[in-house]
């Protein structure tokens, strides 16, 4: 019964839940489960970008370069923000700009997922599809993405530290905030 109430309230608003944060904070995993819980569509910007370009992220980055990669990321994110009743997981390297923030605000609720540096490092080292970290100087890049994530925290409607939380706990917190329309750090 609660899911129908949430879906009904938010379907009328035609709003989305946008997940941002550094790579390795759980945006994709949480987003899939959250969309299922709230009976919303789910879109992962990285996966959608790979579908459109026909290239996996590593190949896109190495074949086309950083500028093209970030351009494709930006174009895909803008396209996804036009969706309705969706959970959208942004790419972990998405940079914050005033224009992008305004678009997000018009599209829905901005949720920043964060984690401590050690947890992020452990999580991303489990995957081989992190093109911007395969350049060497990984600790420098990690610091840059971590700092970028902190910028999102300052403007998010809701910030959740995923370091010691299960996916279920994170989904529950976002669902509660979505239902109540509350803002803050959980």
Protein backbone atom coordinates (compact mmCIF):
# COMPACT_ATOMS: atom_id res chain seq x y z
CA UNK A 1 0.00 0.00 0.00
CA UNK A 2 2.83 2.40 0.86
CA UNK A 3 4.46 1.92 -2.57
CA UNK A 4 1.22 2.87 -4.36
CA UNK A 5 0.96 6.03 -2.25
CA UNK A 6 4.54 7.02 -3.09
CA UNK A 7 4.11 6.24 -6.76
CA UNK A 8 0.83 8.13 -6.96
CA UNK A 9 2.12 11.24 -5.18
CA UNK A 10 5.25 11.47 -7.25
CA UNK A 11 3.72 10.42 -10.56
CA UNK A 12 1.50 13.48 -10.31
CA UNK A 13 4.58 15.67 -9.82
CA UNK A 14 6.39 13.91 -12.69
CA UNK A 15 9.60 14.19 -10.77
CA UNK A 16 12.70 12.06 -10.74
CA UNK A 17 15.23 11.00 -8.16
CA UNK A 18 18.73 11.84 -9.33
CA UNK A 19 21.64 10.05 -7.67
CA UNK A 20 25.03 11.75 -7.79
CA UNK A 21 28.33 11.14 -6.06
CA UNK A 22 31.77 9.78 -6.63
CA UNK A 23 32.20 6.50 -8.42
CA UNK A 24 32.01 3.65 -5.96
CA UNK A 25 29.35 5.18 -3.71
CA UNK A 26 26.61 2.83 -4.90
CA UNK A 27 24.58 4.95 -7.32
CA UNK A 28 23.85 2.12 -9.76
CA UNK A 29 23.18 -0.59 -7.18
CA UNK A 30 21.03 1.67 -5.02
CA UNK A 31 19.29 3.15 -8.06
CA UNK A 32 18.15 -0.22 -9.39
CA UNK A 33 16.74 -1.30 -6.04
CA UNK A 34 15.17 2.10 -5.35
CA UNK A 35 13.42 2.16 -8.72
CA UNK A 36 12.07 -1.31 -8.06
CA UNK A 37 10.87 -0.31 -4.59
CA UNK A 38 9.14 2.86 -5.80
CA UNK A 39 7.90 1.31 -9.07
CA UNK A 40 9.83 3.83 -11.14
CA UNK A 41 12.00 3.43 -14.22
CA UNK A 42 15.75 3.21 -13.71
CA UNK A 43 18.43 4.72 -15.93
CA UNK A 44 22.17 4.47 -15.39
CA UNK A 45 23.90 7.26 -17.31
CA UNK A 46 27.02 5.14 -17.91
CA UNK A 47 25.01 2.21 -19.27
CA UNK A 48 22.88 4.47 -21.45
CA UNK A 49 26.00 6.19 -22.79
CA UNK A 50 27.48 2.81 -23.73
CA UNK A 51 24.25 1.83 -25.54
CA UNK A 52 24.15 5.05 -27.57
CA UNK A 53 27.83 5.08 -28.53
CA UNK A 54 28.09 1.33 -29.01
CA UNK A 55 31.28 1.39 -26.93
CA UNK A 56 31.98 0.35 -23.38
CA UNK A 57 33.25 3.17 -21.17
CA UNK A 58 36.89 2.09 -21.33
CA UNK A 59 36.87 1.95 -25.12
CA UNK A 60 35.01 5.26 -25.43
CA UNK A 61 37.54 6.97 -23.21
CA UNK A 62 40.67 5.48 -24.80
CA UNK A 63 39.46 5.65 -28.40
CA UNK A 64 37.79 9.07 -28.31
CA UNK A 65 39.53 10.87 -25.45
CA UNK A 66 38.55 12.61 -22.26
CA UNK A 67 36.78 15.56 -23.89
CA UNK A 68 34.52 13.35 -26.01
CA UNK A 69 33.88 11.06 -23.03
CA UNK A 70 32.78 13.98 -20.86
CA UNK A 71 30.73 15.45 -23.70
CA UNK A 72 28.89 12.14 -24.17
CA UNK A 73 28.38 11.92 -20.40
CA UNK A 74 26.92 15.42 -20.31
CA UNK A 75 24.64 14.86 -23.31
CA UNK A 76 23.31 11.62 -21.90
CA UNK A 77 22.69 13.11 -18.47
CA UNK A 78 20.75 16.03 -19.97
CA UNK A 79 18.67 13.59 -22.01
CA UNK A 80 17.91 11.48 -18.93
CA UNK A 81 16.81 14.52 -16.93
CA UNK A 82 13.90 14.90 -19.38
CA UNK A 83 12.52 11.52 -18.28
CA UNK A 84 9.63 11.31 -15.85
CA UNK A 85 8.99 9.06 -12.85
CA UNK A 86 12.55 7.73 -12.99
CA UNK A 87 15.54 7.08 -10.81
CA UNK A 88 18.65 8.33 -12.60
CA UNK A 89 22.19 7.34 -11.61
CA UNK A 90 24.62 9.97 -12.87
CA UNK A 91 28.11 9.06 -13.99
CA UNK A 92 30.65 9.20 -11.19
CA UNK A 93 32.71 11.82 -12.98
CA UNK A 94 29.83 14.21 -13.67
CA UNK A 95 30.93 17.71 -12.79
CA UNK A 96 28.72 20.21 -11.05
CA UNK A 97 27.82 23.39 -12.95
CA UNK A 98 25.17 26.01 -12.23
CA UNK A 99 23.31 25.14 -15.43
CA UNK A 100 23.35 21.42 -14.64
CA UNK A 101 22.20 22.06 -11.08
CA UNK A 102 19.26 24.13 -12.35
CA UNK A 103 18.28 21.32 -14.72
CA UNK A 104 18.44 18.79 -11.89
CA UNK A 105 16.31 20.97 -9.62
CA UNK A 106 13.64 21.19 -12.34
CA UNK A 107 13.79 17.43 -12.88
CA UNK A 108 13.49 16.19 -9.33
CA UNK A 109 15.10 15.37 -6.01
CA UNK A 110 18.90 15.41 -5.89
CA UNK A 111 20.44 12.71 -3.69
CA UNK A 112 24.17 12.65 -3.08
CA UNK A 113 25.68 9.32 -2.09
CA UNK A 114 29.04 9.54 -0.36
CA UNK A 115 31.46 7.18 1.32
CA UNK A 116 34.86 7.43 2.94
CA UNK A 117 37.91 7.26 0.67
CA UNK A 118 38.95 3.78 1.78
CA UNK A 119 35.52 2.31 1.05
CA UNK A 120 35.40 3.98 -2.35
CA UNK A 121 38.88 2.69 -3.17
CA UNK A 122 37.93 -0.86 -2.21
CA UNK A 123 34.69 -0.74 -4.19
CA UNK A 124 36.12 0.65 -7.41
CA UNK A 125 39.12 -1.65 -7.40
CA UNK A 126 36.69 -4.56 -7.75
CA UNK A 127 35.71 -3.33 -11.22
CA UNK A 128 37.74 -2.89 -14.37
CA UNK A 129 35.40 -0.38 -16.06
CA UNK A 130 36.73 2.79 -14.47
CA UNK A 131 38.49 4.47 -17.42
CA UNK A 132 39.58 7.66 -15.73
CA UNK A 133 41.33 5.71 -12.99
CA UNK A 134 43.37 3.62 -15.38
CA UNK A 135 45.56 6.59 -16.28
CA UNK A 136 48.04 6.07 -13.46
CA UNK A 137 48.27 8.39 -10.48
CA UNK A 138 45.09 6.75 -9.18
CA UNK A 139 45.35 8.36 -5.75
CA UNK A 140 45.39 11.83 -7.36
CA UNK A 141 42.34 10.97 -9.46
CA UNK A 142 40.54 9.49 -6.46
CA UNK A 143 41.15 12.69 -4.52
CA UNK A 144 39.73 14.73 -7.41
CA UNK A 145 36.56 12.61 -7.64
CA UNK A 146 36.18 12.62 -3.88
CA UNK A 147 36.35 16.43 -3.83
CA UNK A 148 33.87 16.62 -6.73
CA UNK A 149 31.49 14.48 -4.69
CA UNK A 150 31.81 16.85 -1.74
CA UNK A 151 30.64 19.71 -3.99
CA UNK A 152 27.44 17.76 -4.68
CA UNK A 153 26.87 17.30 -0.94
CA UNK A 154 26.57 21.05 -0.48
CA UNK A 155 23.66 21.36 -2.93
CA UNK A 156 21.89 18.01 -2.59
CA UNK A 157 18.36 17.72 -1.22
CA UNK A 158 19.55 14.65 0.66
CA UNK A 159 23.02 13.26 1.40
CA UNK A 160 23.60 9.70 2.58
CA UNK A 161 26.89 8.23 3.71
CA UNK A 162 26.92 4.72 2.21
CA UNK A 163 30.15 3.65 3.92
CA UNK A 164 28.56 1.35 6.50
CA UNK A 165 25.01 0.99 5.08
CA UNK A 166 23.41 -1.84 3.18
CA UNK A 167 21.67 -1.15 -0.11
CA UNK A 168 18.36 -1.86 1.63
CA UNK A 169 19.06 0.74 4.33
CA UNK A 170 19.98 3.37 1.75
CA UNK A 171 16.87 2.62 -0.31
CA UNK A 172 14.71 2.90 2.80
CA UNK A 173 16.19 6.30 3.71
CA UNK A 174 15.71 7.70 0.22
CA UNK A 175 12.17 6.29 0.02
CA UNK A 176 11.26 7.93 3.32
CA UNK A 177 12.66 11.27 2.23
CA UNK A 178 10.86 10.96 -1.12
CA UNK A 179 7.56 10.19 0.59
CA UNK A 180 7.91 12.94 3.17
CA UNK A 181 9.57 15.47 0.92
CA UNK A 182 12.21 16.00 3.61
CA UNK A 183 15.69 17.33 3.04
CA UNK A 184 18.90 16.78 4.93
CA UNK A 185 21.74 14.48 5.72
CA UNK A 186 20.88 10.93 6.75
